């Protein structure tokens, strides 16, 4: 069997670093959406600080719930790949 070359090792290190970075970013996005979803049930004006229209609990649940589901699906697909 051939020994792995330095090029293969560095590529593997880059891929591993990117994979860990992507997983950490997705995890932080999931936590942020979950936190903002809970805050939105208590105070939608606080959680929807960027939203210019009427800020309601329903709108907060729709926005952050959709983001949360999307990020969880992406995270699951990334782990299975």
Protein backbone atom coordinates (compact mmCIF):
# COMPACT_ATOMS: atom_id res chain seq x y z
CA UNK A 1 0.00 0.00 0.00
CA UNK A 2 1.16 3.51 -0.76
CA UNK A 3 1.86 5.97 2.02
CA UNK A 4 -0.38 9.02 2.12
CA UNK A 5 1.39 12.04 0.74
CA UNK A 6 1.64 15.42 2.39
CA UNK A 7 -0.84 16.79 -0.15
CA UNK A 8 -3.46 14.24 0.90
CA UNK A 9 -2.87 14.97 4.59
CA UNK A 10 -3.26 18.71 4.15
CA UNK A 11 -6.37 18.29 2.05
CA UNK A 12 -7.84 16.04 4.69
CA UNK A 13 -6.98 18.60 7.37
CA UNK A 14 -8.66 21.37 5.35
CA UNK A 15 -11.75 19.26 4.77
CA UNK A 16 -11.92 18.33 8.44
CA UNK A 17 -11.51 21.95 9.53
CA UNK A 18 -14.22 23.12 7.12
CA UNK A 19 -16.53 20.34 8.26
CA UNK A 20 -16.07 21.22 11.93
CA UNK A 21 -16.55 24.94 11.22
CA UNK A 22 -19.74 24.30 9.24
CA UNK A 23 -21.15 22.03 11.93
CA UNK A 24 -20.38 24.59 14.64
CA UNK A 25 -22.00 27.41 12.67
CA UNK A 26 -25.12 25.33 12.03
CA UNK A 27 -25.29 24.36 15.70
CA UNK A 28 -25.04 28.02 16.75
CA UNK A 29 -27.75 28.98 14.25
CA UNK A 30 -30.02 26.26 15.63
CA UNK A 31 -29.43 27.47 19.19
CA UNK A 32 -30.05 31.09 18.18
CA UNK A 33 -33.32 30.21 16.44
CA UNK A 34 -34.45 28.16 19.42
CA UNK A 35 -33.60 30.98 21.83
CA UNK A 36 -35.32 33.62 19.66
CA UNK A 37 -38.36 31.33 19.29
CA UNK A 38 -38.71 31.10 23.08
CA UNK A 39 -38.14 34.86 23.48
CA UNK A 40 -40.73 35.43 20.74
CA UNK A 41 -43.38 33.63 22.79
CA UNK A 42 -42.66 35.96 25.69
CA UNK A 43 -41.94 39.22 23.88
CA UNK A 44 -42.28 39.22 20.08
CA UNK A 45 -41.15 42.85 19.87
CA UNK A 46 -37.78 41.82 21.30
CA UNK A 47 -37.24 38.76 19.13
CA UNK A 48 -38.43 40.38 15.89
CA UNK A 49 -36.27 43.49 16.32
CA UNK A 50 -35.49 43.57 12.59
CA UNK A 51 -39.08 43.08 11.36
CA UNK A 52 -40.79 46.31 10.28
CA UNK A 53 -44.44 45.13 10.22
CA UNK A 54 -46.66 44.07 13.11
CA UNK A 55 -44.72 41.89 15.54
CA UNK A 56 -46.88 39.10 16.92
CA UNK A 57 -46.26 35.78 18.64
CA UNK A 58 -47.63 33.99 15.60
CA UNK A 59 -45.23 35.77 13.25
CA UNK A 60 -42.32 35.07 15.57
CA UNK A 61 -43.22 31.36 15.70
CA UNK A 62 -43.55 31.23 11.92
CA UNK A 63 -40.25 32.93 11.19
CA UNK A 64 -38.04 31.27 13.79
CA UNK A 65 -39.82 27.93 13.55
CA UNK A 66 -39.23 27.83 9.80
CA UNK A 67 -35.56 28.77 10.25
CA UNK A 68 -35.18 26.18 13.01
CA UNK A 69 -36.68 23.37 10.91
CA UNK A 70 -34.56 24.38 7.90
CA UNK A 71 -31.31 24.42 9.88
CA UNK A 72 -32.11 21.07 11.53
CA UNK A 73 -32.75 19.50 8.11
CA UNK A 74 -29.51 20.93 6.72
CA UNK A 75 -27.62 19.70 9.80
CA UNK A 76 -29.09 16.22 9.41
CA UNK A 77 -28.26 16.07 5.72
CA UNK A 78 -24.71 17.27 6.42
CA UNK A 79 -24.12 14.57 9.05
CA UNK A 80 -25.34 11.78 6.77
CA UNK A 81 -23.15 12.89 3.85
